[in-house]
N, C-alpha and C. Protein backbone atom coordinates (compact mmCIF):
# COMPACT_ATOMS: atom_id res chain seq x y z
N MET A 1 0.89 -1.26 -0.09
CA MET A 1 0.14 0.47 0.25
C MET A 1 0.70 1.45 0.17
N ARG A 2 0.25 2.27 -1.01
CA ARG A 2 1.45 3.53 -0.89
C ARG A 2 1.07 4.41 0.05
N PRO A 3 2.26 5.15 0.41
CA PRO A 3 2.10 6.37 1.51
C PRO A 3 1.25 7.32 1.22
N PRO A 4 -0.06 8.15 1.25
CA PRO A 4 -0.16 9.22 0.86
C PRO A 4 0.26 9.97 0.73
N SER A 5 0.16 10.90 -0.79
CA SER A 5 1.33 11.90 -1.22
C SER A 5 1.83 13.09 -0.08
N ASN A 6 0.79 13.21 0.76
CA ASN A 6 1.68 14.41 1.98
C ASN A 6 2.26 13.61 2.90
N GLU A 7 2.43 12.51 2.93
CA GLU A 7 3.32 11.84 3.67
C GLU A 7 4.48 11.56 3.43
N LYS A 8 4.16 11.31 1.39
CA LYS A 8 5.28 10.75 0.79
C LYS A 8 6.25 12.38 0.75
N SER A 9 5.54 13.22 0.52
CA SER A 9 6.25 14.84 0.46
C SER A 9 7.23 15.22 1.71
N ARG A 10 6.44 14.58 3.31
CA ARG A 10 6.42 14.88 4.55
C ARG A 10 8.39 14.16 4.50
N ALA A 11 8.48 12.82 3.59
CA ALA A 11 9.23 12.06 4.11
C ALA A 11 10.49 12.60 2.99
N GLU A 12 10.47 12.95 1.91
CA GLU A 12 10.88 13.50 0.60
C GLU A 12 11.85 14.84 1.66
N ASN A 13 10.93 15.57 2.27
CA ASN A 13 11.42 17.02 2.63
C ASN A 13 12.28 16.64 3.73
N HIS A 14 12.05 15.64 4.73
CA HIS A 14 13.25 15.22 5.80
C HIS A 14 14.31 14.93 5.42
N ALA A 15 14.24 14.01 4.27
CA ALA A 15 15.57 13.24 3.87
C ALA A 15 16.00 14.48 3.54
N ARG A 16 15.89 15.48 2.79
CA ARG A 16 16.15 16.78 2.17
C ARG A 16 17.17 17.24 2.91
N GLU A 17 16.27 18.24 4.07
CA GLU A 17 16.77 18.28 5.41
C GLU A 17 17.69 18.06 6.06
N GLU A 18 18.14 16.47 6.43
CA GLU A 18 19.29 15.87 6.70
C GLU A 18 19.87 15.82 5.71
N ARG A 19 20.27 15.60 4.33
CA ARG A 19 21.20 15.72 3.36
C ARG A 19 21.84 17.12 3.26
N TRP A 20 21.24 18.21 3.55
CA TRP A 20 21.43 19.71 3.70
C TRP A 20 22.33 19.60 5.15
N GLN A 21 21.65 19.16 6.03
CA GLN A 21 22.57 19.23 7.48
C GLN A 21 24.07 18.64 7.01
N ARG A 22 23.96 17.40 6.71
CA ARG A 22 25.36 16.81 6.64
C ARG A 22 26.32 17.14 5.97
N GLN A 23 25.54 17.83 4.98
CA GLN A 23 26.23 18.28 3.60
C GLN A 23 27.14 19.55 4.22
N MET A 24 26.42 20.43 4.92
CA MET A 24 26.67 21.87 5.31
C MET A 24 27.69 21.40 6.74
N GLN A 25 27.79 20.68 7.12
CA GLN A 25 28.22 20.09 8.23
C GLN A 25 29.77 19.69 7.94
N ALA A 26 29.66 18.83 6.87
CA ALA A 26 30.57 18.39 5.88
C ALA A 26 31.66 19.74 5.41
N ALA A 27 31.14 20.91 4.86
CA ALA A 27 31.55 21.70 4.60
C ALA A 27 32.37 22.71 5.08
N GLN A 28 31.77 22.79 6.80
CA GLN A 28 32.26 23.67 7.51
C GLN A 28 33.57 22.71 8.11
N ASP A 29 33.42 21.50 7.76
CA ASP A 29 34.50 21.03 8.51
C ASP A 29 35.48 20.45 7.12
N GLY A 30 35.43 21.20 6.20
CA GLY A 30 36.66 21.53 5.01
C GLY A 30 36.76 20.52 3.58
N ASP A 31 34.85 19.88 3.78
CA ASP A 31 34.65 18.95 2.88
C ASP A 31 34.26 20.21 1.06
N LYS A 32 35.11 20.42 0.44
CA LYS A 32 34.86 20.78 -0.95
C LYS A 32 33.89 20.17 -1.35
N ALA A 33 33.79 18.78 -2.18
CA ALA A 33 33.01 18.34 -2.17
C ALA A 33 31.58 18.27 -2.33
N ALA A 34 31.61 18.23 -0.73
CA ALA A 34 30.14 18.47 -0.28
C ALA A 34 29.71 19.46 0.11
N TYR A 35 30.36 20.59 -0.07
CA TYR A 35 30.31 22.42 0.04
C TYR A 35 29.37 22.28 -1.53
N HIS A 36 30.00 21.74 -2.34
CA HIS A 36 29.69 22.02 -3.94
C HIS A 36 28.62 21.34 -4.23
N ALA A 37 28.48 20.13 -3.60
CA ALA A 37 27.30 19.82 -3.64
C ALA A 37 26.08 20.72 -3.35
N LEU A 38 26.17 20.75 -2.08
CA LEU A 38 24.92 21.70 -1.41
C LEU A 38 24.53 22.94 -1.89
N LEU A 39 25.90 23.64 -2.68
CA LEU A 39 25.08 24.87 -3.14
C LEU A 39 24.97 24.72 -4.50
N THR A 40 25.05 23.39 -5.26
CA THR A 40 24.32 23.26 -6.31
C THR A 40 23.00 22.52 -5.56
N ASP A 41 22.51 21.92 -5.16
CA ASP A 41 21.26 21.45 -4.30
C ASP A 41 20.56 22.38 -4.01
N ILE A 42 20.96 23.60 -3.36
CA ILE A 42 20.21 24.39 -3.24
C ILE A 42 19.97 25.37 -3.73
N ALA A 43 20.37 25.67 -4.91
CA ALA A 43 20.19 27.01 -6.07
C ALA A 43 19.03 26.62 -6.29
N PRO A 44 18.66 25.51 -6.95
CA PRO A 44 16.98 25.73 -7.08
C PRO A 44 16.24 26.39 -6.29
N LEU A 45 16.29 25.79 -5.14
CA LEU A 45 15.07 26.06 -3.84
C LEU A 45 15.39 27.92 -4.21
N LEU A 46 16.95 28.57 -3.79
CA LEU A 46 16.92 30.00 -3.86
C LEU A 46 16.48 30.58 -4.83
N ARG A 47 16.59 29.38 -6.63
CA ARG A 47 15.62 30.56 -7.63
C ARG A 47 14.72 30.33 -7.32
N ALA A 48 13.88 29.41 -6.67
CA ALA A 48 12.06 29.89 -6.96
C ALA A 48 11.99 30.55 -5.82
N VAL A 49 12.64 30.77 -4.58
CA VAL A 49 12.16 31.74 -3.95
C VAL A 49 12.16 33.26 -4.14
N VAL A 50 13.27 33.48 -5.03
CA VAL A 50 14.09 34.76 -5.58
C VAL A 50 12.86 35.24 -6.49
N GLN A 51 12.58 33.92 -7.62
CA GLN A 51 11.48 34.19 -8.26
C GLN A 51 10.28 34.75 -8.22
N ARG A 52 9.97 34.01 -7.23
CA ARG A 52 8.34 34.47 -6.67
C ARG A 52 8.25 35.63 -6.01
N LYS A 53 9.57 36.37 -5.01
CA LYS A 53 9.68 37.00 -4.12
C LYS A 53 9.79 38.59 -5.20
N TRP A 54 10.31 38.07 -6.06
CA TRP A 54 11.01 39.56 -6.99
C TRP A 54 10.58 39.33 -8.51
N ARG A 55 9.78 40.58 -8.44
CA ARG A 55 9.54 40.44 -10.12
C ARG A 55 10.35 40.68 -11.13
N ASN A 56 11.51 41.70 -11.11
CA ASN A 56 12.10 41.83 -12.25
C ASN A 56 13.42 40.63 -12.45
N PRO A 57 13.04 39.52 -13.27
CA PRO A 57 14.04 38.65 -13.47
C PRO A 57 15.52 38.55 -13.88
N GLN A 58 15.37 40.11 -14.33
CA GLN A 58 16.73 39.92 -14.65
C GLN A 58 17.86 40.45 -13.74
N ASP A 59 16.93 40.52 -12.66
CA ASP A 59 18.03 41.02 -11.46
C ASP A 59 17.94 39.60 -10.27
N ALA A 60 17.00 39.04 -10.36
CA ALA A 60 16.95 37.47 -9.65
C ALA A 60 18.58 37.01 -9.47
N GLU A 61 19.14 36.52 -10.32
CA GLU A 61 20.26 35.66 -10.57
C GLU A 61 20.99 36.51 -9.56
N ASP A 62 21.50 37.88 -9.72
CA ASP A 62 21.94 38.74 -8.84
C ASP A 62 21.90 38.34 -7.32
N ILE A 63 20.57 38.64 -7.20
CA ILE A 63 20.07 38.42 -5.67
C ILE A 63 20.54 36.89 -5.66
N ILE A 64 20.80 35.97 -6.04
CA ILE A 64 20.75 34.21 -6.07
C ILE A 64 22.22 34.15 -5.40
N GLN A 65 23.03 34.98 -6.31
CA GLN A 65 24.42 35.02 -6.00
C GLN A 65 24.91 35.48 -4.65
N ASP A 66 23.87 36.85 -4.12
CA ASP A 66 23.99 37.37 -3.18
C ASP A 66 23.83 36.47 -1.77
N ILE A 67 23.12 35.82 -2.22
CA ILE A 67 22.44 34.76 -1.28
C ILE A 67 23.69 33.58 -1.43
N LEU A 68 24.34 33.14 -2.31
CA LEU A 68 25.05 32.40 -2.25
C LEU A 68 26.37 32.82 -1.41
N LEU A 69 26.69 34.14 -1.77
CA LEU A 69 27.91 34.90 -0.92
C LEU A 69 27.49 34.92 0.30
N SER A 70 26.33 35.26 0.83
CA SER A 70 26.24 35.66 2.03
C SER A 70 26.35 34.26 2.98
N VAL A 71 26.17 32.75 1.97
CA VAL A 71 25.93 31.75 2.98
C VAL A 71 27.15 31.48 2.89
N HIS A 72 28.00 31.85 1.98
CA HIS A 72 29.47 31.43 1.70
C HIS A 72 30.33 32.30 3.34
N ALA A 73 29.85 33.77 3.36
CA ALA A 73 30.39 34.09 4.11
C ALA A 73 30.39 33.77 5.57
N VAL A 74 28.61 33.49 5.84
CA VAL A 74 28.40 33.16 7.02
C VAL A 74 28.18 31.72 7.36
N ARG A 75 28.39 30.74 6.87
CA ARG A 75 28.71 29.41 6.95
C ARG A 75 29.17 28.61 8.34
N CYS A 76 30.17 29.28 9.00
CA CYS A 76 30.88 29.39 9.92
C CYS A 76 29.49 29.26 11.37
N THR A 77 28.60 30.27 10.89
CA THR A 77 27.27 30.51 12.15
C THR A 77 26.53 29.37 12.09
N TYR A 78 26.50 28.45 11.26
CA TYR A 78 25.69 26.98 10.91
C TYR A 78 25.79 26.24 12.32
N ASP A 79 24.57 26.19 13.03
CA ASP A 79 24.37 25.09 13.91
C ASP A 79 24.10 23.71 13.19
N PRO A 80 24.96 22.57 13.26
CA PRO A 80 24.45 21.07 12.99
C PRO A 80 23.43 20.86 13.27
N GLN A 81 23.14 21.06 14.47
CA GLN A 81 22.02 20.42 15.06
C GLN A 81 20.65 21.35 15.27
N ARG A 82 20.79 22.19 14.65
CA ARG A 82 19.36 23.13 13.86
C ARG A 82 19.46 22.70 12.28
N PRO A 83 17.54 22.77 12.10
CA PRO A 83 17.67 22.92 11.25
C PRO A 83 18.33 23.49 9.85
N PHE A 84 18.31 23.33 8.84
CA PHE A 84 19.38 23.69 7.47
C PHE A 84 18.47 24.90 6.33
N LEU A 85 17.35 24.57 6.39
CA LEU A 85 16.18 25.36 5.78
C LEU A 85 16.03 26.24 6.66
N PRO A 86 15.82 26.94 7.28
CA PRO A 86 15.20 27.93 7.89
C PRO A 86 16.46 29.16 8.09
N TRP A 87 17.53 28.01 8.51
CA TRP A 87 18.74 29.13 8.49
C TRP A 87 19.31 29.91 6.80
N VAL A 88 18.85 28.90 5.79
CA VAL A 88 19.39 29.24 4.31
C VAL A 88 18.38 30.56 3.86
N LEU A 89 17.11 30.21 4.38
CA LEU A 89 16.23 31.05 4.12
C LEU A 89 16.15 32.27 4.92
N THR A 90 16.68 32.61 6.01
CA THR A 90 16.62 33.71 6.32
C THR A 90 17.20 34.30 5.59
N ILE A 91 18.69 33.89 5.70
CA ILE A 91 19.70 34.67 4.55
C ILE A 91 18.53 35.15 3.21
N ALA A 92 18.37 34.07 2.90
CA ALA A 92 17.44 34.91 1.40
C ALA A 92 16.63 35.61 1.46
N ARG A 93 15.54 35.91 2.57
CA ARG A 93 15.14 36.72 3.18
C ARG A 93 15.41 38.38 2.98
N ARG A 94 17.01 38.41 3.71
CA ARG A 94 17.04 39.17 4.00
C ARG A 94 17.92 39.61 3.03
N ARG A 95 18.62 39.00 2.07
CA ARG A 95 19.44 39.55 1.04
C ARG A 95 17.89 40.25 -0.44
N ILE A 96 17.21 39.12 -0.26
CA ILE A 96 16.21 39.91 -1.18
C ILE A 96 15.38 41.30 -0.15
N ALA A 97 15.66 41.59 0.79
CA ALA A 97 15.08 42.72 1.63
C ALA A 97 16.39 44.07 0.95
N ASP A 98 17.38 43.68 1.14
CA ASP A 98 18.26 44.00 0.75
C ASP A 98 18.05 44.93 -0.65
N ALA A 99 17.83 44.00 -1.55
CA ALA A 99 17.80 43.99 -2.83
C ALA A 99 16.82 45.14 -3.46
N ALA A 100 15.38 44.65 -2.37
CA ALA A 100 14.43 45.69 -2.27
C ALA A 100 14.84 47.35 -1.84
N ARG A 101 15.79 47.43 -1.08
CA ARG A 101 15.97 48.71 -0.57
C ARG A 101 16.90 49.44 -1.41
N ARG A 102 18.02 48.49 -2.25
CA ARG A 102 18.72 49.05 -3.35
C ARG A 102 18.27 49.79 -4.72
N SER A 103 17.29 49.25 -4.82
CA SER A 103 15.82 49.14 -5.88
C SER A 103 15.44 50.35 -5.77
N SER A 104 14.69 50.33 -4.58
CA SER A 104 14.10 51.73 -4.02
C SER A 104 14.37 52.99 -4.40
N SER A 105 16.25 52.79 -3.40
CA SER A 105 16.83 53.91 -3.86
C SER A 105 17.04 54.46 -4.89
N ARG A 106 17.72 52.98 -5.66
CA ARG A 106 18.24 53.54 -6.93
C ARG A 106 17.19 54.11 -7.77
N SER A 107 15.75 53.78 -8.06
CA SER A 107 15.18 54.11 -8.82
C SER A 107 14.68 55.82 -8.62
N ALA A 108 14.75 56.15 -7.73
CA ALA A 108 14.42 57.48 -7.41
C ALA A 108 15.43 58.76 -8.14
N TYR A 109 16.38 57.73 -9.31
CA TYR A 109 17.49 58.66 -9.79
C TYR A 109 17.71 57.94 -11.20
N GLU A 110 16.81 57.13 -11.04
CA GLU A 110 16.68 56.28 -12.76
C GLU A 110 15.84 57.14 -13.14
N THR A 111 16.09 57.03 -14.58
CA THR A 111 15.25 57.16 -15.87
C THR A 111 14.92 55.83 -16.79
N THR A 112 13.55 55.75 -17.66
CA THR A 112 13.19 54.74 -18.36
C THR A 112 13.88 55.18 -19.36
N VAL A 113 14.42 54.24 -20.13
CA VAL A 113 14.25 54.28 -22.45
C VAL A 113 13.17 53.13 -22.66
N ASP A 114 13.00 53.58 -24.11
CA ASP A 114 12.06 52.90 -24.82
C ASP A 114 12.72 51.44 -25.10
N VAL A 115 14.04 51.59 -25.45
CA VAL A 115 14.78 51.03 -26.07
C VAL A 115 16.20 51.01 -25.26
N MET A 116 15.89 49.32 -24.86
CA MET A 116 17.50 49.34 -24.34
C MET A 116 18.70 49.10 -25.27
N PRO A 117 19.92 49.50 -24.83
CA PRO A 117 21.10 48.89 -25.95
C PRO A 117 21.41 47.75 -25.78
N GLU A 118 21.47 47.47 -27.31
CA GLU A 118 21.96 45.87 -27.03
C GLU A 118 23.78 45.48 -26.28
N ILE A 119 23.81 44.80 -25.75
CA ILE A 119 25.52 44.98 -24.66
C ILE A 119 25.60 44.14 -25.86
N PHE A 120 24.98 42.66 -25.95
CA PHE A 120 26.38 41.69 -26.01
C PHE A 120 26.81 41.39 -27.84
N SER A 121 25.61 42.35 -28.40
CA SER A 121 26.32 42.83 -29.85
C SER A 121 26.27 41.45 -31.07
N GLY A 122 25.42 40.17 -30.80
CA GLY A 122 25.51 39.05 -31.39
C GLY A 122 26.53 37.76 -30.57
N VAL A 123 26.62 37.97 -29.75
CA VAL A 123 27.33 37.31 -28.70
C VAL A 123 26.66 36.93 -27.58
N GLU A 124 26.13 35.41 -27.14
CA GLU A 124 25.53 35.00 -26.30
C GLU A 124 26.07 35.12 -25.15
N ALA A 125 25.09 35.66 -24.25
CA ALA A 125 25.84 35.88 -22.54
C ALA A 125 26.80 34.66 -22.21
N LYS A 126 27.20 34.87 -21.53
CA LYS A 126 28.26 34.11 -20.51
C LYS A 126 27.60 32.92 -19.85
N HIS A 127 28.27 31.57 -20.57
CA HIS A 127 27.90 30.39 -20.05
C HIS A 127 27.77 30.02 -18.34
N GLU A 128 26.82 29.32 -18.43
CA GLU A 128 27.06 28.59 -16.77
C GLU A 128 28.41 28.70 -15.98
N GLN A 129 28.86 28.01 -16.95
CA GLN A 129 30.57 27.36 -16.61
C GLN A 129 31.44 28.95 -16.16
N GLU A 130 31.49 29.94 -17.12
CA GLU A 130 32.12 31.05 -17.20
C GLU A 130 31.32 31.74 -15.64
N VAL A 131 30.19 31.79 -15.60
CA VAL A 131 29.46 32.40 -14.40
C VAL A 131 30.15 31.77 -13.08
N ARG A 132 30.32 30.48 -13.10
CA ARG A 132 31.28 29.59 -11.84
C ARG A 132 32.61 29.87 -11.70
N ASP A 133 32.93 30.34 -12.95
CA ASP A 133 34.65 30.53 -13.14
C ASP A 133 34.66 31.59 -12.05
N TYR A 134 33.66 32.42 -12.95
CA TYR A 134 33.91 34.00 -12.32
C TYR A 134 34.04 34.01 -10.42
N TRP A 135 32.59 33.53 -10.17
CA TRP A 135 32.70 33.56 -8.69
C TRP A 135 33.44 32.95 -7.75
N ALA A 136 34.37 31.34 -8.54
CA ALA A 136 35.49 30.84 -7.92
C ALA A 136 36.39 31.94 -7.75
N ALA A 137 36.71 32.88 -8.75
CA ALA A 137 38.03 33.76 -9.11
C ALA A 137 37.77 34.69 -7.89
N ALA A 138 36.45 34.83 -7.86
CA ALA A 138 35.79 36.11 -6.62
C ALA A 138 36.16 35.83 -5.18
N TRP A 139 35.77 34.14 -5.00
CA TRP A 139 36.12 33.79 -3.72
C TRP A 139 37.55 33.75 -3.50
N HIS A 140 38.16 33.31 -4.37
CA HIS A 140 40.03 33.27 -4.67
C HIS A 140 40.51 34.44 -4.23
N ALA A 141 39.62 35.76 -4.90
CA ALA A 141 40.33 36.89 -4.50
C ALA A 141 40.22 37.34 -2.81
N LEU A 142 39.26 37.50 -2.80
CA LEU A 142 38.90 37.54 -1.17
C LEU A 142 39.91 36.78 0.14
N GLY A 143 40.10 35.32 -0.54
CA GLY A 143 41.04 35.16 -0.02
C GLY A 143 42.54 35.28 0.28
N ASP A 144 42.63 36.32 -0.89
CA ASP A 144 43.97 37.01 -0.36
C ASP A 144 43.68 38.68 0.13
N LEU A 145 42.97 39.29 0.62
CA LEU A 145 42.73 40.08 1.31
C LEU A 145 43.27 40.07 2.36
N THR A 146 44.17 40.91 3.01
CA THR A 146 44.18 40.61 4.86
C THR A 146 43.38 40.60 5.70
N VAL A 147 43.33 40.03 6.92
CA VAL A 147 42.45 39.69 7.83
C VAL A 147 41.32 40.87 8.02
N GLY A 148 42.03 41.78 7.66
CA GLY A 148 41.23 43.15 8.55
C GLY A 148 40.30 43.46 7.31
N GLN A 149 40.96 43.60 6.01
CA GLN A 149 40.47 43.84 5.06
C GLN A 149 39.30 42.32 4.62
N ARG A 150 39.41 41.44 4.31
CA ARG A 150 38.43 40.39 4.49
C ARG A 150 37.18 40.40 5.55
N LYS A 151 37.39 40.84 6.27
CA LYS A 151 36.51 40.70 7.51
C LYS A 151 35.52 42.24 6.98
N ALA A 152 36.32 43.18 7.28
CA ALA A 152 35.11 44.71 6.70
C ALA A 152 34.51 44.22 5.32
N VAL A 153 34.48 43.51 4.65
CA VAL A 153 34.36 43.20 3.26
C VAL A 153 33.04 42.05 3.76
N GLU A 154 33.29 41.10 4.65
CA GLU A 154 32.56 40.27 4.59
C GLU A 154 31.28 40.73 5.59
N LEU A 155 31.51 41.48 6.41
CA LEU A 155 30.54 41.77 7.36
C LEU A 155 29.65 43.25 6.86
N LEU A 156 30.63 43.87 6.11
CA LEU A 156 29.51 45.00 6.00
C LEU A 156 29.49 45.02 4.29
N LYS A 157 29.71 44.37 3.30
CA LYS A 157 28.97 44.32 1.73
C LYS A 157 28.66 42.88 1.53
N LEU A 158 29.09 42.03 2.01
CA LEU A 158 28.12 40.70 1.92
C LEU A 158 27.62 40.49 3.06
N GLN A 159 27.72 40.63 4.75
CA GLN A 159 26.29 40.81 5.19
C GLN A 159 25.22 41.38 5.44
N GLY A 160 25.82 43.12 4.65
CA GLY A 160 25.05 44.00 5.26
C GLY A 160 25.18 44.69 6.31
N LEU A 161 26.33 44.34 7.53
CA LEU A 161 25.29 45.25 8.51
C LEU A 161 26.61 46.91 8.31
N SER A 162 25.90 47.35 9.72
CA SER A 162 26.16 48.79 9.24
C SER A 162 27.53 48.87 10.06
N LEU A 163 28.48 50.11 9.75
CA LEU A 163 29.50 50.35 10.26
C LEU A 163 29.35 50.02 11.75
N LYS A 164 28.51 50.92 12.39
CA LYS A 164 28.37 50.52 14.11
C LYS A 164 28.15 48.70 14.55
N GLU A 165 27.12 48.39 13.68
CA GLU A 165 27.35 46.75 13.64
C GLU A 165 28.73 46.19 13.89
N ALA A 166 29.03 46.08 12.84
CA ALA A 166 30.50 45.89 11.97
C ALA A 166 31.76 45.97 13.69
N SER A 167 31.48 46.95 13.67
CA SER A 167 32.33 47.73 15.20
C SER A 167 32.12 46.97 16.04
N ALA A 168 31.05 46.78 16.37
CA ALA A 168 30.59 46.54 18.25
C ALA A 168 31.40 44.61 17.70
N ILE A 169 30.98 44.20 16.29
CA ILE A 169 31.79 42.40 16.43
C ILE A 169 32.96 42.57 16.26
N THR A 170 33.80 43.30 15.63
CA THR A 170 35.32 43.43 15.72
C THR A 170 36.49 43.98 16.82
N GLY A 171 35.51 44.93 17.01
CA GLY A 171 36.44 45.77 18.12
C GLY A 171 37.09 46.88 18.02
N LYS A 172 37.24 47.01 16.29
CA LYS A 172 37.38 47.80 15.91
C LYS A 172 36.90 49.26 15.31
N SER A 173 37.55 50.35 15.44
CA SER A 173 36.57 51.32 15.31
C SER A 173 36.04 51.83 13.52
N VAL A 174 35.24 52.56 13.85
CA VAL A 174 34.37 52.97 12.07
C VAL A 174 35.43 53.40 11.28
N ALA A 175 36.15 54.20 11.75
CA ALA A 175 37.32 54.65 10.84
C ALA A 175 38.07 53.64 10.18
N ALA A 176 38.54 52.79 11.21
CA ALA A 176 39.23 52.03 10.72
C ALA A 176 38.77 50.72 9.63
N LEU A 177 37.33 50.25 10.13
CA LEU A 177 36.57 49.37 9.64
C LEU A 177 35.96 50.09 8.02
N LYS A 178 35.91 51.78 7.74
CA LYS A 178 35.99 52.10 6.42
C LYS A 178 37.20 52.07 5.47
N VAL A 179 38.52 52.19 5.96
CA VAL A 179 39.72 52.16 5.10
C VAL A 179 39.89 50.57 4.92
N ASN A 180 39.68 49.64 6.07
CA ASN A 180 39.62 48.14 5.61
C ASN A 180 38.80 47.86 4.50
N VAL A 181 37.65 48.17 4.48
CA VAL A 181 36.70 47.94 3.36
C VAL A 181 37.16 48.62 2.30
N HIS A 182 37.81 49.90 2.26
CA HIS A 182 37.97 50.85 0.82
C HIS A 182 39.07 49.93 0.36
N ARG A 183 40.17 49.78 0.97
CA ARG A 183 41.42 49.32 0.29
C ARG A 183 40.67 47.66 0.43
N GLY A 184 40.27 46.95 0.92
CA GLY A 184 39.79 45.87 0.16
C GLY A 184 39.02 45.52 -0.79
N LEU A 185 37.91 46.50 -1.49
CA LEU A 185 37.07 46.69 -2.44
C LEU A 185 38.29 46.69 -3.73
N LYS A 186 39.21 47.61 -3.45
CA LYS A 186 39.91 48.15 -4.14
C LYS A 186 41.14 46.70 -4.26
N ALA A 187 41.52 46.05 -3.78
CA ALA A 187 42.23 45.34 -3.50
C ALA A 187 41.58 43.79 -4.48
N LEU A 188 40.10 43.76 -4.07
CA LEU A 188 39.60 42.63 -4.98
C LEU A 188 39.52 43.38 -6.13
N GLN A 189 39.14 44.52 -6.62
CA GLN A 189 39.30 44.80 -8.43
C GLN A 189 39.78 44.65 -8.66
N ARG A 190 41.30 44.87 -8.29
CA ARG A 190 42.66 45.02 -8.50
C ARG A 190 43.13 43.30 -8.81
N ASN A 191 42.76 42.41 -8.11
CA ASN A 191 42.85 41.24 -7.97
C ASN A 191 41.84 40.20 -9.58
N MET A 192 40.69 41.16 -9.33
CA MET A 192 39.65 40.53 -10.40
C MET A 192 40.25 40.74 -11.87
N THR A 193 41.04 42.16 -11.88
CA THR A 193 41.19 42.35 -12.86
C THR A 193 42.33 41.82 -13.67
N GLU A 194 43.22 41.72 -12.70
CA GLU A 194 44.76 40.93 -13.03
C GLU A 194 44.85 39.25 -13.24
N LYS A 195 43.28 38.49 -12.58
CA LYS A 195 42.68 37.42 -13.03
C LYS A 195 41.90 36.88 -13.95
N GLY A 196 41.12 38.16 -14.63
CA GLY A 196 40.18 38.00 -15.46
C GLY A 196 41.38 38.16 -16.95
């Protein structure tokens, strides 16, 4: 006798949750293959969440990448004894809210055009592998920063904390954080340009 579909769905969700918890714990222990599998596995879910909340499909991929960057930046905060899905969905909701704030503040200064200029002039957009290569290079470049610069960029740019919040976490002054994030972003840009 087959179980009712809602029981089957619950069992699948439970199995998925356990798999994600194991993968994240392995990733925290340095297992790169488990981490890659986890990010690959959660990407469709994140895409569905973003597309449900965000009307502009052109911005959706940027928001998904912001979420994945944030997951990477704060992966050490995940407690393997707690469910993974609520943790990652909280990050997703915050990045979507950040994108909405940026969009609303940016739209106050933008004008509309009837025809969008052609960007790729006959050349197809980058393939998925090129995008993955870009993000791998970005993570590598982030690792090349000094500890202070990396921490400032992670807290202020990836996690979206205020200078005051980041100062409370790091014990550094607001001025020192400003200098570190400025230098860190310049170094990231330089590293990405040299490697690109």
